[in-house]
Amino acid sequence: MPATFKDLALDANDHQRLADWWCAALGYVRRDSLTGDTRPPDWPVPIVDPAGKGPLIWINPVPERKTVKNRMHLDVFGDTAELVAAGATLIRARDGEIAWDVVADPEGNEFCVFERTRHS
């Protein structure tokens, strides 16, 4: 096996604000709040599932804005209307062709929202 999964990374112009947005959207917390670590504000922000079930996500500062569609993205179970009310943008609603909503976070990073089911 040449590789094993480690973390997810997401680029952002305002990585501090986007870290807070994703924490609220996913029920995550900043990892440093659990470990007591401190890091300079211009460093990447690690966010984690406090229950320890979800992957670690790094929100990385970058100078350039997003300009094209993501080649890799997150899939989440959730409520699209609540995410939009929190600042996301609906890109494409589920329809006869797709069974999920395509949404973008406040910086335009696309992700897919699936309805919660009894098995999710």
PDB file of N, CA and C in Angstrom:
ATOM      1  N   MET A   1       0.848  -1.163   0.000  1.00  0.00           N
ATOM      2  CA  MET A   1       0.000   0.000   0.000  1.00  0.00           C
ATOM      3  C   MET A   1       0.901   1.236   0.000  1.00  0.00           C
ATOM      4  N   PRO A   2       0.851   2.055  -1.040  1.00  0.00           N
ATOM      5  CA  PRO A   2       1.735   3.213  -1.123  1.00  0.00           C
ATOM      6  C   PRO A   2       1.303   4.407  -0.271  1.00  0.00           C
ATOM      7  N   ALA A   3       0.052   4.462   0.188  1.00  0.00           N
ATOM      8  CA  ALA A   3      -0.403   5.612   0.970  1.00  0.00           C
ATOM      9  C   ALA A   3      -1.561   5.209   1.866  1.00  0.00           C
ATOM     10  N   THR A   4      -1.743   5.963   2.954  1.00  0.00           N
ATOM     11  CA  THR A   4      -2.921   5.828   3.812  1.00  0.00           C
ATOM     12  C   THR A   4      -3.479   7.222   4.053  1.00  0.00           C
ATOM     13  N   PHE A   5      -4.779   7.307   4.243  1.00  0.00           N
ATOM     14  CA  PHE A   5      -5.439   8.596   4.446  1.00  0.00           C
ATOM     15  C   PHE A   5      -4.959   9.234   5.742  1.00  0.00           C
ATOM     16  N   LYS A   6      -4.699  10.536   5.703  1.00  0.00           N
ATOM     17  CA  LYS A   6      -4.279  11.277   6.890  1.00  0.00           C
ATOM     18  C   LYS A   6      -5.303  12.343   7.267  1.00  0.00           C
ATOM     19  N   ASP A   7      -5.430  13.421   6.477  1.00  0.00           N
ATOM     20  CA  ASP A   7      -6.286  14.564   6.783  1.00  0.00           C
ATOM     21  C   ASP A   7      -6.902  15.100   5.498  1.00  0.00           C
ATOM     22  N   LEU A   8      -7.829  16.025   5.658  1.00  0.00           N
ATOM     23  CA  LEU A   8      -8.337  16.818   4.547  1.00  0.00           C
ATOM     24  C   LEU A   8      -7.758  18.222   4.667  1.00  0.00           C
ATOM     25  N   ALA A   9      -7.607  18.899   3.551  1.00  0.00           N
ATOM     26  CA  ALA A   9      -7.112  20.275   3.562  1.00  0.00           C
ATOM     27  C   ALA A   9      -8.010  21.124   2.671  1.00  0.00           C
ATOM     28  N   LEU A  10      -8.320  22.321   3.130  1.00  0.00           N
ATOM     29  CA  LEU A  10      -9.191  23.231   2.408  1.00  0.00           C
ATOM     30  C   LEU A  10      -8.523  24.601   2.387  1.00  0.00           C
ATOM     31  N   ASP A  11      -8.369  25.184   1.211  1.00  0.00           N
ATOM     32  CA  ASP A  11      -7.743  26.492   1.076  1.00  0.00           C
ATOM     33  C   ASP A  11      -8.769  27.607   1.296  1.00  0.00           C
ATOM     34  N   ALA A  12      -8.285  28.723   1.824  1.00  0.00           N
ATOM     35  CA  ALA A  12      -9.182  29.843   2.112  1.00  0.00           C
ATOM     36  C   ALA A  12      -8.400  31.149   2.123  1.00  0.00           C
ATOM     37  N   ASN A  13      -9.043  32.221   1.667  1.00  0.00           N
ATOM     38  CA  ASN A  13      -8.453  33.554   1.786  1.00  0.00           C
ATOM     39  C   ASN A  13      -8.518  34.027   3.233  1.00  0.00           C
ATOM     40  N   ASP A  14      -9.661  33.876   3.866  1.00  0.00           N
ATOM     41  CA  ASP A  14      -9.816  34.222   5.285  1.00  0.00           C
ATOM     42  C   ASP A  14      -9.978  32.907   6.045  1.00  0.00           C
ATOM     43  N   HIS A  15      -8.851  32.251   6.288  1.00  0.00           N
ATOM     44  CA  HIS A  15      -8.877  30.905   6.873  1.00  0.00           C
ATOM     45  C   HIS A  15      -9.435  30.893   8.293  1.00  0.00           C
ATOM     46  N   GLN A  16      -9.277  31.974   9.032  1.00  0.00           N
ATOM     47  CA  GLN A  16      -9.830  32.033  10.393  1.00  0.00           C
ATOM     48  C   GLN A  16     -11.366  32.027  10.336  1.00  0.00           C
ATOM     49  N   ARG A  17     -11.919  32.867   9.482  1.00  0.00           N
ATOM     50  CA  ARG A  17     -13.376  32.943   9.348  1.00  0.00           C
ATOM     51  C   ARG A  17     -13.945  31.645   8.790  1.00  0.00           C
ATOM     52  N   LEU A  18     -13.274  31.081   7.783  1.00  0.00           N
ATOM     53  CA  LEU A  18     -13.785  29.850   7.187  1.00  0.00           C
ATOM     54  C   LEU A  18     -13.674  28.668   8.156  1.00  0.00           C
ATOM     55  N   ALA A  19     -12.653  28.655   8.992  1.00  0.00           N
ATOM     56  CA  ALA A  19     -12.547  27.611  10.021  1.00  0.00           C
ATOM     57  C   ALA A  19     -13.754  27.689  10.954  1.00  0.00           C
ATOM     58  N   ASP A  20     -14.112  28.899  11.359  1.00  0.00           N
ATOM     59  CA  ASP A  20     -15.290  29.062  12.221  1.00  0.00           C
ATOM     60  C   ASP A  20     -16.558  28.616  11.506  1.00  0.00           C
ATOM     61  N   TRP A  21     -16.680  28.941  10.215  1.00  0.00           N
ATOM     62  CA  TRP A  21     -17.878  28.550   9.464  1.00  0.00           C
ATOM     63  C   TRP A  21     -17.999  27.024   9.403  1.00  0.00           C
ATOM     64  N   TRP A  22     -16.910  26.346   9.049  1.00  0.00           N
ATOM     65  CA  TRP A  22     -16.955  24.888   8.966  1.00  0.00           C
ATOM     66  C   TRP A  22     -17.164  24.256  10.335  1.00  0.00           C
ATOM     67  N   CYS A  23     -16.607  24.845  11.393  1.00  0.00           N
ATOM     68  CA  CYS A  23     -16.868  24.319  12.743  1.00  0.00           C
ATOM     69  C   CYS A  23     -18.365  24.374  13.044  1.00  0.00           C
ATOM     70  N   ALA A  24     -18.998  25.495  12.746  1.00  0.00           N
ATOM     71  CA  ALA A  24     -20.436  25.627  12.990  1.00  0.00           C
ATOM     72  C   ALA A  24     -21.232  24.677  12.102  1.00  0.00           C
ATOM     73  N   ALA A  25     -20.834  24.537  10.842  1.00  0.00           N
ATOM     74  CA  ALA A  25     -21.575  23.690   9.906  1.00  0.00           C
ATOM     75  C   ALA A  25     -21.490  22.213  10.285  1.00  0.00           C
ATOM     76  N   LEU A  26     -20.322  21.774  10.741  1.00  0.00           N
ATOM     77  CA  LEU A  26     -20.106  20.347  11.005  1.00  0.00           C
ATOM     78  C   LEU A  26     -20.181  19.968  12.481  1.00  0.00           C
ATOM     79  N   GLY A  27     -20.283  20.950  13.364  1.00  0.00           N
ATOM     80  CA  GLY A  27     -20.215  20.643  14.791  1.00  0.00           C
ATOM     81  C   GLY A  27     -18.791  20.332  15.229  1.00  0.00           C
ATOM     82  N   TYR A  28     -17.822  20.834  14.477  1.00  0.00           N
ATOM     83  CA  TYR A  28     -16.409  20.658  14.788  1.00  0.00           C
ATOM     84  C   TYR A  28     -15.950  21.749  15.746  1.00  0.00           C
ATOM     85  N   VAL A  29     -14.732  21.601  16.243  1.00  0.00           N
ATOM     86  CA  VAL A  29     -14.087  22.628  17.068  1.00  0.00           C
ATOM     87  C   VAL A  29     -12.656  22.796  16.569  1.00  0.00           C
ATOM     88  N   ARG A  30     -12.077  23.917  16.913  1.00  0.00           N
ATOM     89  CA  ARG A  30     -10.663  24.094  16.614  1.00  0.00           C
ATOM     90  C   ARG A  30      -9.870  23.119  17.492  1.00  0.00           C
ATOM     91  N   ARG A  31      -8.983  22.368  16.882  1.00  0.00           N
ATOM     92  CA  ARG A  31      -8.229  21.361  17.635  1.00  0.00           C
ATOM     93  C   ARG A  31      -7.474  21.992  18.792  1.00  0.00           C
ATOM     94  N   ASP A  32      -6.979  23.202  18.596  1.00  0.00           N
ATOM     95  CA  ASP A  32      -6.210  23.856  19.646  1.00  0.00           C
ATOM     96  C   ASP A  32      -7.047  24.100  20.902  1.00  0.00           C
ATOM     97  N   SER A  33      -8.363  24.227  20.752  1.00  0.00           N
ATOM     98  CA  SER A  33      -9.215  24.424  21.926  1.00  0.00           C
ATOM     99  C   SER A  33      -9.248  23.162  22.784  1.00  0.00           C
ATOM    100  N   LEU A  34      -8.970  22.017  22.191  1.00  0.00           N
ATOM    101  CA  LEU A  34      -8.938  20.758  22.940  1.00  0.00           C
ATOM    102  C   LEU A  34      -7.550  20.462  23.503  1.00  0.00           C
ATOM    103  N   THR A  35      -6.515  20.885  22.776  1.00  0.00           N
ATOM    104  CA  THR A  35      -5.147  20.556  23.176  1.00  0.00           C
ATOM    105  C   THR A  35      -4.480  21.646  23.999  1.00  0.00           C
ATOM    106  N   GLY A  36      -5.037  22.868  23.956  1.00  0.00           N
ATOM    107  CA  GLY A  36      -4.422  23.985  24.653  1.00  0.00           C
ATOM    108  C   GLY A  36      -3.264  24.603  23.884  1.00  0.00           C
ATOM    109  N   ASP A  37      -3.035  24.136  22.653  1.00  0.00           N
ATOM    110  CA  ASP A  37      -1.964  24.698  21.829  1.00  0.00           C
ATOM    111  C   ASP A  37      -2.351  26.092  21.363  1.00  0.00           C
ATOM    112  N   THR A  38      -1.356  26.866  21.022  1.00  0.00           N
ATOM    113  CA  THR A  38      -1.584  28.159  20.382  1.00  0.00           C
ATOM    114  C   THR A  38      -0.714  28.214  19.143  1.00  0.00           C
ATOM    115  N   ARG A  39      -1.208  28.894  18.143  1.00  0.00           N
ATOM    116  CA  ARG A  39      -0.446  29.031  16.899  1.00  0.00           C
ATOM    117  C   ARG A  39      -0.633  30.451  16.377  1.00  0.00           C
ATOM    118  N   PRO A  40       0.348  30.960  15.650  1.00  0.00           N
ATOM    119  CA  PRO A  40       0.200  32.296  15.074  1.00  0.00           C
ATOM    120  C   PRO A  40      -1.048  32.368  14.187  1.00  0.00           C
ATOM    121  N   PRO A  41      -1.706  33.521  14.133  1.00  0.00           N
ATOM    122  CA  PRO A  41      -2.947  33.632  13.375  1.00  0.00           C
ATOM    123  C   PRO A  41      -2.791  33.415  11.880  1.00  0.00           C
ATOM    124  N   ASP A  42      -1.572  33.514  11.355  1.00  0.00           N
ATOM    125  CA  ASP A  42      -1.399  33.309   9.916  1.00  0.00           C
ATOM    126  C   ASP A  42      -1.092  31.842   9.576  1.00  0.00           C
ATOM    127  N   TRP A  43      -1.037  30.969  10.547  1.00  0.00           N
ATOM    128  CA  TRP A  43      -0.818  29.534  10.310  1.00  0.00           C
ATOM    129  C   TRP A  43      -2.142  28.840   9.980  1.00  0.00           C
ATOM    130  N   PRO A  44      -2.080  27.684   9.338  1.00  0.00           N
ATOM    131  CA  PRO A  44      -3.303  26.906   9.089  1.00  0.00           C
ATOM    132  C   PRO A  44      -4.033  26.568  10.392  1.00  0.00           C
ATOM    133  N   VAL A  45      -5.350  26.404  10.284  1.00  0.00           N
ATOM    134  CA  VAL A  45      -6.189  26.101  11.442  1.00  0.00           C
ATOM    135  C   VAL A  45      -6.691  24.663  11.326  1.00  0.00           C
ATOM    136  N   PRO A  46      -6.315  23.792  12.278  1.00  0.00           N
ATOM    137  CA  PRO A  46      -6.856  22.432  12.275  1.00  0.00           C
ATOM    138  C   PRO A  46      -8.191  22.399  13.022  1.00  0.00           C
ATOM    139  N   ILE A  47      -9.209  21.803  12.388  1.00  0.00           N
ATOM    140  CA  ILE A  47     -10.504  21.635  13.050  1.00  0.00           C
ATOM    141  C   ILE A  47     -10.812  20.144  13.135  1.00  0.00           C
ATOM    142  N   VAL A  48     -11.495  19.750  14.222  1.00  0.00           N
ATOM    143  CA  VAL A  48     -11.735  18.332  14.479  1.00  0.00           C
ATOM    144  C   VAL A  48     -13.158  18.094  14.970  1.00  0.00           C
ATOM    145  N   ASP A  49     -13.588  16.873  14.789  1.00  0.00           N
ATOM    146  CA  ASP A  49     -14.841  16.393  15.352  1.00  0.00           C
ATOM    147  C   ASP A  49     -14.584  16.112  16.832  1.00  0.00           C
ATOM    148  N   PRO A  50     -15.257  16.813  17.750  1.00  0.00           N
ATOM    149  CA  PRO A  50     -14.976  16.599  19.168  1.00  0.00           C
ATOM    150  C   PRO A  50     -15.311  15.176  19.627  1.00  0.00           C
ATOM    151  N   ALA A  51     -16.157  14.476  18.881  1.00  0.00           N
ATOM    152  CA  ALA A  51     -16.475  13.089  19.214  1.00  0.00           C
ATOM    153  C   ALA A  51     -15.421  12.122  18.680  1.00  0.00           C
ATOM    154  N   GLY A  52     -14.495  12.653  17.866  1.00  0.00           N
ATOM    155  CA  GLY A  52     -13.429  11.814  17.342  1.00  0.00           C
ATOM    156  C   GLY A  52     -13.823  10.922  16.184  1.00  0.00           C
ATOM    157  N   LYS A  53     -14.977  11.172  15.575  1.00  0.00           N
ATOM    158  CA  LYS A  53     -15.443  10.312  14.480  1.00  0.00           C
ATOM    159  C   LYS A  53     -15.041  10.822  13.101  1.00  0.00           C
ATOM    160  N   GLY A  54     -15.067  12.114  12.903  1.00  0.00           N
ATOM    161  CA  GLY A  54     -14.776  12.686  11.589  1.00  0.00           C
ATOM    162  C   GLY A  54     -13.297  12.947  11.397  1.00  0.00           C
ATOM    163  N   PRO A  55     -12.900  13.217  10.162  1.00  0.00           N
ATOM    164  CA  PRO A  55     -11.487  13.459   9.879  1.00  0.00           C
ATOM    165  C   PRO A  55     -11.035  14.845  10.340  1.00  0.00           C
ATOM    166  N   LEU A  56      -9.750  14.965  10.583  1.00  0.00           N
ATOM    167  CA  LEU A  56      -9.137  16.262  10.830  1.00  0.00           C
ATOM    168  C   LEU A  56      -9.166  17.047   9.522  1.00  0.00           C
ATOM    169  N   ILE A  57      -9.552  18.330   9.598  1.00  0.00           N
ATOM    170  CA  ILE A  57      -9.565  19.191   8.421  1.00  0.00           C
ATOM    171  C   ILE A  57      -8.668  20.388   8.708  1.00  0.00           C
ATOM    172  N   TRP A  58      -7.740  20.646   7.803  1.00  0.00           N
ATOM    173  CA  TRP A  58      -6.883  21.823   7.896  1.00  0.00           C
ATOM    174  C   TRP A  58      -7.465  22.918   7.006  1.00  0.00           C
ATOM    175  N   ILE A  59      -7.668  24.099   7.569  1.00  0.00           N
ATOM    176  CA  ILE A  59      -8.088  25.257   6.794  1.00  0.00           C
ATOM    177  C   ILE A  59      -6.826  26.100   6.581  1.00  0.00           C
ATOM    178  N   ASN A  60      -6.355  26.112   5.332  1.00  0.00           N
ATOM    179  CA  ASN A  60      -5.059  26.696   4.994  1.00  0.00           C
ATOM    180  C   ASN A  60      -5.190  28.067   4.342  1.00  0.00           C
ATOM    181  N   PRO A  61      -4.396  29.032   4.808  1.00  0.00           N
ATOM    182  CA  PRO A  61      -4.436  30.359   4.173  1.00  0.00           C
ATOM    183  C   PRO A  61      -3.738  30.339   2.822  1.00  0.00           C
ATOM    184  N   VAL A  62      -4.392  30.938   1.839  1.00  0.00           N
ATOM    185  CA  VAL A  62      -3.802  31.100   0.506  1.00  0.00           C
ATOM    186  C   VAL A  62      -4.136  32.505   0.010  1.00  0.00           C
ATOM    187  N   PRO A  63      -3.282  33.083  -0.828  1.00  0.00           N
ATOM    188  CA  PRO A  63      -3.542  34.447  -1.299  1.00  0.00           C
ATOM    189  C   PRO A  63      -4.541  34.513  -2.460  1.00  0.00           C
ATOM    190  N   GLU A  64      -4.609  33.464  -3.265  1.00  0.00           N
ATOM    191  CA  GLU A  64      -5.452  33.523  -4.458  1.00  0.00           C
ATOM    192  C   GLU A  64      -6.886  33.084  -4.144  1.00  0.00           C
ATOM    193  N   ARG A  65      -7.822  33.644  -4.890  1.00  0.00           N
ATOM    194  CA  ARG A  65      -9.225  33.253  -4.775  1.00  0.00           C
ATOM    195  C   ARG A  65      -9.463  31.998  -5.595  1.00  0.00           C
ATOM    196  N   LYS A  66     -10.483  31.262  -5.241  1.00  0.00           N
ATOM    197  CA  LYS A  66     -10.876  30.084  -5.999  1.00  0.00           C
ATOM    198  C   LYS A  66     -11.412  30.547  -7.351  1.00  0.00           C
ATOM    199  N   THR A  67     -10.979  29.886  -8.420  1.00  0.00           N
ATOM    200  CA  THR A  67     -11.400  30.326  -9.751  1.00  0.00           C
ATOM    201  C   THR A  67     -12.080  29.236 -10.570  1.00  0.00           C
ATOM    202  N   VAL A  68     -11.864  27.982 -10.259  1.00  0.00           N
ATOM    203  CA  VAL A  68     -12.476  26.901 -11.030  1.00  0.00           C
ATOM    204  C   VAL A  68     -13.079  25.875 -10.083  1.00  0.00           C
ATOM    205  N   LYS A  69     -13.838  24.950 -10.657  1.00  0.00           N
ATOM    206  CA  LYS A  69     -14.488  23.900  -9.873  1.00  0.00           C
ATOM    207  C   LYS A  69     -13.460  23.052  -9.142  1.00  0.00           C
ATOM    208  N   ASN A  70     -13.808  22.659  -7.914  1.00  0.00           N
ATOM    209  CA  ASN A  70     -12.946  21.764  -7.145  1.00  0.00           C
ATOM    210  C   ASN A  70     -12.810  20.430  -7.875  1.00  0.00           C
ATOM    211  N   ARG A  71     -11.641  19.828  -7.825  1.00  0.00           N
ATOM    212  CA  ARG A  71     -11.453  18.484  -8.363  1.00  0.00           C
ATOM    213  C   ARG A  71     -11.752  17.439  -7.285  1.00  0.00           C
ATOM    214  N   MET A  72     -11.662  17.826  -6.028  1.00  0.00           N
ATOM    215  CA  MET A  72     -12.021  16.966  -4.901  1.00  0.00           C
ATOM    216  C   MET A  72     -12.884  17.809  -3.979  1.00  0.00           C
ATOM    217  N   HIS A  73     -13.854  17.186  -3.338  1.00  0.00           N
ATOM    218  CA  HIS A  73     -14.742  17.958  -2.479  1.00  0.00           C
ATOM    219  C   HIS A  73     -15.243  17.102  -1.328  1.00  0.00           C
ATOM    220  N   LEU A  74     -15.905  17.754  -0.369  1.00  0.00           N
ATOM    221  CA  LEU A  74     -16.515  17.064   0.757  1.00  0.00           C
ATOM    222  C   LEU A  74     -17.934  16.665   0.390  1.00  0.00           C
ATOM    223  N   ASP A  75     -18.379  15.534   0.919  1.00  0.00           N
ATOM    224  CA  ASP A  75     -19.783  15.136   0.918  1.00  0.00           C
ATOM    225  C   ASP A  75     -20.222  15.135   2.371  1.00  0.00           C
ATOM    226  N   VAL A  76     -21.368  15.739   2.651  1.00  0.00           N
ATOM    227  CA  VAL A  76     -21.870  15.790   4.025  1.00  0.00           C
ATOM    228  C   VAL A  76     -23.340  15.389   4.043  1.00  0.00           C
ATOM    229  N   PHE A  77     -23.791  14.877   5.187  1.00  0.00           N
ATOM    230  CA  PHE A  77     -25.209  14.724   5.451  1.00  0.00           C
ATOM    231  C   PHE A  77     -25.635  16.010   6.125  1.00  0.00           C
ATOM    232  N   GLY A  78     -26.750  16.614   5.705  1.00  0.00           N
ATOM    233  CA  GLY A  78     -27.157  17.843   6.350  1.00  0.00           C
ATOM    234  C   GLY A  78     -28.410  18.437   5.765  1.00  0.00           C
ATOM    235  N   ASP A  79     -28.696  19.639   6.213  1.00  0.00           N
ATOM    236  CA  ASP A  79     -29.867  20.395   5.794  1.00  0.00           C
ATOM    237  C   ASP A  79     -29.388  21.574   4.953  1.00  0.00           C
ATOM    238  N   THR A  80     -29.632  21.504   3.662  1.00  0.00           N
ATOM    239  CA  THR A  80     -29.143  22.537   2.746  1.00  0.00           C
ATOM    240  C   THR A  80     -29.671  23.913   3.121  1.00  0.00           C
ATOM    241  N   ALA A  81     -30.940  24.009   3.491  1.00  0.00           N
ATOM    242  CA  ALA A  81     -31.520  25.312   3.844  1.00  0.00           C
ATOM    243  C   ALA A  81     -30.793  25.933   5.034  1.00  0.00           C
ATOM    244  N   GLU A  82     -30.448  25.130   6.033  1.00  0.00           N
ATOM    245  CA  GLU A  82     -29.722  25.651   7.195  1.00  0.00           C
ATOM    246  C   GLU A  82     -28.315  26.103   6.799  1.00  0.00           C
ATOM    247  N   LEU A  83     -27.661  25.344   5.931  1.00  0.00           N
ATOM    248  CA  LEU A  83     -26.321  25.723   5.481  1.00  0.00           C
ATOM    249  C   LEU A  83     -26.367  27.019   4.674  1.00  0.00           C
ATOM    250  N   VAL A  84     -27.376  27.171   3.826  1.00  0.00           N
ATOM    251  CA  VAL A  84     -27.531  28.408   3.058  1.00  0.00           C
ATOM    252  C   VAL A  84     -27.816  29.571   4.005  1.00  0.00           C
ATOM    253  N   ALA A  85     -28.657  29.354   5.001  1.00  0.00           N
ATOM    254  CA  ALA A  85     -28.944  30.415   5.971  1.00  0.00           C
ATOM    255  C   ALA A  85     -27.684  30.824   6.737  1.00  0.00           C
ATOM    256  N   ALA A  86     -26.725  29.894   6.865  1.00  0.00           N
ATOM    257  CA  ALA A  86     -25.489  30.169   7.580  1.00  0.00           C
ATOM    258  C   ALA A  86     -24.418  30.790   6.685  1.00  0.00           C
ATOM    259  N   GLY A  87     -24.716  30.961   5.387  1.00  0.00           N
ATOM    260  CA  GLY A  87     -23.764  31.627   4.508  1.00  0.00           C
ATOM    261  C   GLY A  87     -23.311  30.839   3.297  1.00  0.00           C
ATOM    262  N   ALA A  88     -23.772  29.597   3.151  1.00  0.00           N
ATOM    263  CA  ALA A  88     -23.437  28.808   1.965  1.00  0.00           C
ATOM    264  C   ALA A  88     -24.285  29.280   0.786  1.00  0.00           C
ATOM    265  N   THR A  89     -23.924  28.849  -0.418  1.00  0.00           N
ATOM    266  CA  THR A  89     -24.671  29.179  -1.624  1.00  0.00           C
ATOM    267  C   THR A  89     -25.086  27.889  -2.313  1.00  0.00           C
ATOM    268  N   LEU A  90     -26.356  27.787  -2.667  1.00  0.00           N
ATOM    269  CA  LEU A  90     -26.835  26.633  -3.420  1.00  0.00           C
ATOM    270  C   LEU A  90     -26.392  26.788  -4.870  1.00  0.00           C
ATOM    271  N   ILE A  91     -25.625  25.817  -5.367  1.00  0.00           N
ATOM    272  CA  ILE A  91     -25.134  25.835  -6.740  1.00  0.00           C
ATOM    273  C   ILE A  91     -26.086  25.053  -7.647  1.00  0.00           C
ATOM    274  N   ARG A  92     -26.494  23.873  -7.199  1.00  0.00           N
ATOM    275  CA  ARG A  92     -27.421  23.043  -7.963  1.00  0.00           C
ATOM    276  C   ARG A  92     -28.254  22.207  -6.993  1.00  0.00           C
ATOM    277  N   ALA A  93     -29.560  22.315  -7.116  1.00  0.00           N
ATOM    278  CA  ALA A  93     -30.460  21.545  -6.260  1.00  0.00           C
ATOM    279  C   ALA A  93     -30.602  20.123  -6.795  1.00  0.00           C
ATOM    280  N   ARG A  94     -30.846  19.199  -5.867  1.00  0.00           N
ATOM    281  CA  ARG A  94     -31.106  17.820  -6.287  1.00  0.00           C
ATOM    282  C   ARG A  94     -32.287  17.825  -7.252  1.00  0.00           C
ATOM    283  N   ASP A  95     -32.244  16.908  -8.197  1.00  0.00           N
ATOM    284  CA  ASP A  95     -33.285  16.848  -9.217  1.00  0.00           C
ATOM    285  C   ASP A  95     -33.383  15.418  -9.725  1.00  0.00           C
ATOM    286  N   GLY A  96     -33.929  15.225 -10.893  1.00  0.00           N
ATOM    287  CA  GLY A  96     -34.069  13.893 -11.464  1.00  0.00           C
ATOM    288  C   GLY A  96     -32.752  13.253 -11.855  1.00  0.00           C
ATOM    289  N   GLU A  97     -31.707  14.050 -11.959  1.00  0.00           N
ATOM    290  CA  GLU A  97     -30.391  13.529 -12.344  1.00  0.00           C
ATOM    291  C   GLU A  97     -29.467  13.268 -11.152  1.00  0.00           C
ATOM    292  N   ILE A  98     -29.574  14.080 -10.106  1.00  0.00           N
ATOM    293  CA  ILE A  98     -28.716  13.892  -8.937  1.00  0.00           C
ATOM    294  C   ILE A  98     -29.561  13.870  -7.666  1.00  0.00           C
ATOM    295  N   ALA A  99     -29.123  13.088  -6.686  1.00  0.00           N
ATOM    296  CA  ALA A  99     -29.884  12.908  -5.448  1.00  0.00           C
ATOM    297  C   ALA A  99     -29.268  13.701  -4.291  1.00  0.00           C
ATOM    298  N   TRP A 100     -28.563  14.781  -4.583  1.00  0.00           N
ATOM    299  CA  TRP A 100     -27.920  15.604  -3.576  1.00  0.00           C
ATOM    300  C   TRP A 100     -27.924  17.046  -4.073  1.00  0.00           C
ATOM    301  N   ASP A 101     -27.679  17.964  -3.153  1.00  0.00           N
ATOM    302  CA  ASP A 101     -27.526  19.375  -3.510  1.00  0.00           C
ATOM    303  C   ASP A 101     -26.041  19.697  -3.612  1.00  0.00           C
ATOM    304  N   VAL A 102     -25.686  20.493  -4.587  1.00  0.00           N
ATOM    305  CA  VAL A 102     -24.322  20.996  -4.703  1.00  0.00           C
ATOM    306  C   VAL A 102     -24.333  22.404  -4.113  1.00  0.00           C
ATOM    307  N   VAL A 103     -23.467  22.623  -3.146  1.00  0.00           N
ATOM    308  CA  VAL A 103     -23.452  23.847  -2.361  1.00  0.00           C
ATOM    309  C   VAL A 103     -22.019  24.368  -2.338  1.00  0.00           C
ATOM    310  N   ALA A 104     -21.845  25.658  -2.072  1.00  0.00           N
ATOM    311  CA  ALA A 104     -20.506  26.231  -1.901  1.00  0.00           C
ATOM    312  C   ALA A 104     -20.433  26.916  -0.542  1.00  0.00           C
ATOM    313  N   ASP A 105     -19.293  26.771   0.119  1.00  0.00           N
ATOM    314  CA  ASP A 105     -19.088  27.461   1.390  1.00  0.00           C
ATOM    315  C   ASP A 105     -18.915  28.958   1.113  1.00  0.00           C
ATOM    316  N   PRO A 106     -18.762  29.800   2.136  1.00  0.00           N
ATOM    317  CA  PRO A 106     -18.674  31.246   1.899  1.00  0.00           C
ATOM    318  C   PRO A 106     -17.527  31.694   0.987  1.00  0.00           C
ATOM    319  N   GLU A 107     -16.518  30.837   0.772  1.00  0.00           N
ATOM    320  CA  GLU A 107     -15.430  31.199  -0.131  1.00  0.00           C
ATOM    321  C   GLU A 107     -15.535  30.499  -1.482  1.00  0.00           C
ATOM    322  N   GLY A 108     -16.638  29.782  -1.723  1.00  0.00           N
ATOM    323  CA  GLY A 108     -16.871  29.173  -3.024  1.00  0.00           C
ATOM    324  C   GLY A 108     -16.413  27.739  -3.170  1.00  0.00           C
ATOM    325  N   ASN A 109     -15.907  27.115  -2.105  1.00  0.00           N
ATOM    326  CA  ASN A 109     -15.498  25.713  -2.176  1.00  0.00           C
ATOM    327  C   ASN A 109     -16.746  24.826  -2.217  1.00  0.00           C
ATOM    328  N   GLU A 110     -16.890  24.055  -3.300  1.00  0.00           N
ATOM    329  CA  GLU A 110     -18.083  23.236  -3.461  1.00  0.00           C
ATOM    330  C   GLU A 110     -18.069  22.018  -2.546  1.00  0.00           C
ATOM    331  N   PHE A 111     -19.262  21.625  -2.120  1.00  0.00           N
ATOM    332  CA  PHE A 111     -19.448  20.369  -1.405  1.00  0.00           C
ATOM    333  C   PHE A 111     -20.857  19.884  -1.685  1.00  0.00           C
ATOM    334  N   CYS A 112     -21.092  18.603  -1.468  1.00  0.00           N
ATOM    335  CA  CYS A 112     -22.401  18.009  -1.744  1.00  0.00           C
ATOM    336  C   CYS A 112     -23.108  17.706  -0.434  1.00  0.00           C
ATOM    337  N   VAL A 113     -24.406  18.010  -0.404  1.00  0.00           N
ATOM    338  CA  VAL A 113     -25.211  17.789   0.794  1.00  0.00           C
ATOM    339  C   VAL A 113     -26.236  16.709   0.491  1.00  0.00           C
ATOM    340  N   PHE A 114     -26.175  15.643   1.279  1.00  0.00           N
ATOM    341  CA  PHE A 114     -27.095  14.516   1.162  1.00  0.00           C
ATOM    342  C   PHE A 114     -28.081  14.568   2.315  1.00  0.00           C
ATOM    343  N   GLU A 115     -29.305  14.139   2.065  1.00  0.00           N
ATOM    344  CA  GLU A 115     -30.293  14.072   3.136  1.00  0.00           C
ATOM    345  C   GLU A 115     -29.894  13.003   4.127  1.00  0.00           C
ATOM    346  N   ARG A 116     -30.158  13.290   5.400  1.00  0.00           N
ATOM    347  CA  ARG A 116     -29.916  12.277   6.424  1.00  0.00           C
ATOM    348  C   ARG A 116     -30.966  11.183   6.274  1.00  0.00           C
ATOM    349  N   THR A 117     -30.535   9.953   6.431  1.00  0.00           N
ATOM    350  CA  THR A 117     -31.458   8.823   6.398  1.00  0.00           C
ATOM    351  C   THR A 117     -31.302   8.046   7.684  1.00  0.00           C
ATOM    352  N   ARG A 118     -32.111   7.023   7.860  1.00  0.00           N
ATOM    353  CA  ARG A 118     -31.994   6.196   9.061  1.00  0.00           C
ATOM    354  C   ARG A 118     -30.636   5.537   9.141  1.00  0.00           C
ATOM    355  N   HIS A 119     -29.966   5.362   8.008  1.00  0.00           N
ATOM    356  CA  HIS A 119     -28.693   4.649   7.984  1.00  0.00           C
ATOM    357  C   HIS A 119     -27.485   5.584   7.974  1.00  0.00           C
ATOM    358  N   SER A 120     -27.714   6.892   7.953  1.00  0.00           N
ATOM    359  CA  SER A 120     -26.564   7.805   7.855  1.00  0.00           C
ATOM    360  C   SER A 120     -26.083   8.252   9.218  1.00  0.00           C
TER     361      SER A 120
END
